[in-house]
């Protein structure tokens, strides 16, 4: 793997963690919406699905 691909992978992991943390925090502040773990997992799943579509191209 080239260093550029590793850098992109690292950034994707960091953005995914930030997104999951942000969604989990918002859901934690408003518990009537849904469970925090479920919402954070759905955010991670969405990012992975989009990355998979881009990677398959």
Protein backbone atom coordinates (compact mmCIF):
# COMPACT_ATOMS: atom_id res chain seq x y z
CA UNK A 1 0.00 0.00 0.00
CA UNK A 2 1.26 3.44 -0.83
CA UNK A 3 1.61 6.15 1.78
CA UNK A 4 -1.21 8.10 0.14
CA UNK A 5 -3.60 5.16 0.48
CA UNK A 6 -2.61 4.74 4.14
CA UNK A 7 -3.18 8.44 4.79
CA UNK A 8 -6.63 8.29 3.18
CA UNK A 9 -7.48 5.19 5.21
CA UNK A 10 -6.38 6.91 8.43
CA UNK A 11 -8.48 9.97 7.61
CA UNK A 12 -11.49 7.78 6.83
CA UNK A 13 -11.14 6.05 10.20
CA UNK A 14 -10.82 9.38 12.03
CA UNK A 15 -13.83 10.90 10.27
CA UNK A 16 -15.87 7.77 11.00
CA UNK A 17 -14.99 7.94 14.70
CA UNK A 18 -15.81 11.66 14.82
CA UNK A 19 -19.14 11.07 13.11
CA UNK A 20 -20.04 8.20 15.42
CA UNK A 21 -19.03 10.22 18.48
CA UNK A 22 -20.99 13.24 17.33
CA UNK A 23 -24.12 11.24 16.61
CA UNK A 24 -23.77 9.40 19.91
CA UNK A 25 -23.40 12.69 21.79
CA UNK A 26 -26.45 14.27 20.14
CA UNK A 27 -28.54 11.20 20.83
CA UNK A 28 -27.23 11.12 24.42
CA UNK A 29 -28.38 14.72 24.92
CA UNK A 30 -31.83 13.90 23.46
CA UNK A 31 -32.59 10.37 24.68
CA UNK A 32 -36.12 10.39 23.29
CA UNK A 33 -34.73 9.96 19.79
CA UNK A 34 -33.14 6.50 20.08
CA UNK A 35 -30.41 4.55 21.86
CA UNK A 36 -26.95 6.15 21.50
CA UNK A 37 -25.15 2.95 20.55
CA UNK A 38 -27.65 2.15 17.80
CA UNK A 39 -27.40 5.63 16.30
CA UNK A 40 -23.59 5.64 16.40
CA UNK A 41 -23.52 2.18 14.82
CA UNK A 42 -25.83 3.32 12.07
CA UNK A 43 -23.55 6.30 11.37
CA UNK A 44 -20.53 4.01 11.11
CA UNK A 45 -22.48 1.66 8.86
CA UNK A 46 -23.42 4.52 6.58
CA UNK A 47 -19.80 5.68 6.24
CA UNK A 48 -18.63 2.12 5.57
CA UNK A 49 -21.32 1.62 2.93
CA UNK A 50 -20.33 4.82 1.16
CA UNK A 51 -16.63 3.88 1.36
CA UNK A 52 -17.43 0.44 -0.03
CA UNK A 53 -19.27 1.96 -2.98
CA UNK A 54 -16.37 4.29 -3.68
CA UNK A 55 -13.85 1.48 -3.30
CA UNK A 56 -15.72 -0.78 -5.69
CA UNK A 57 -15.49 1.85 -8.39
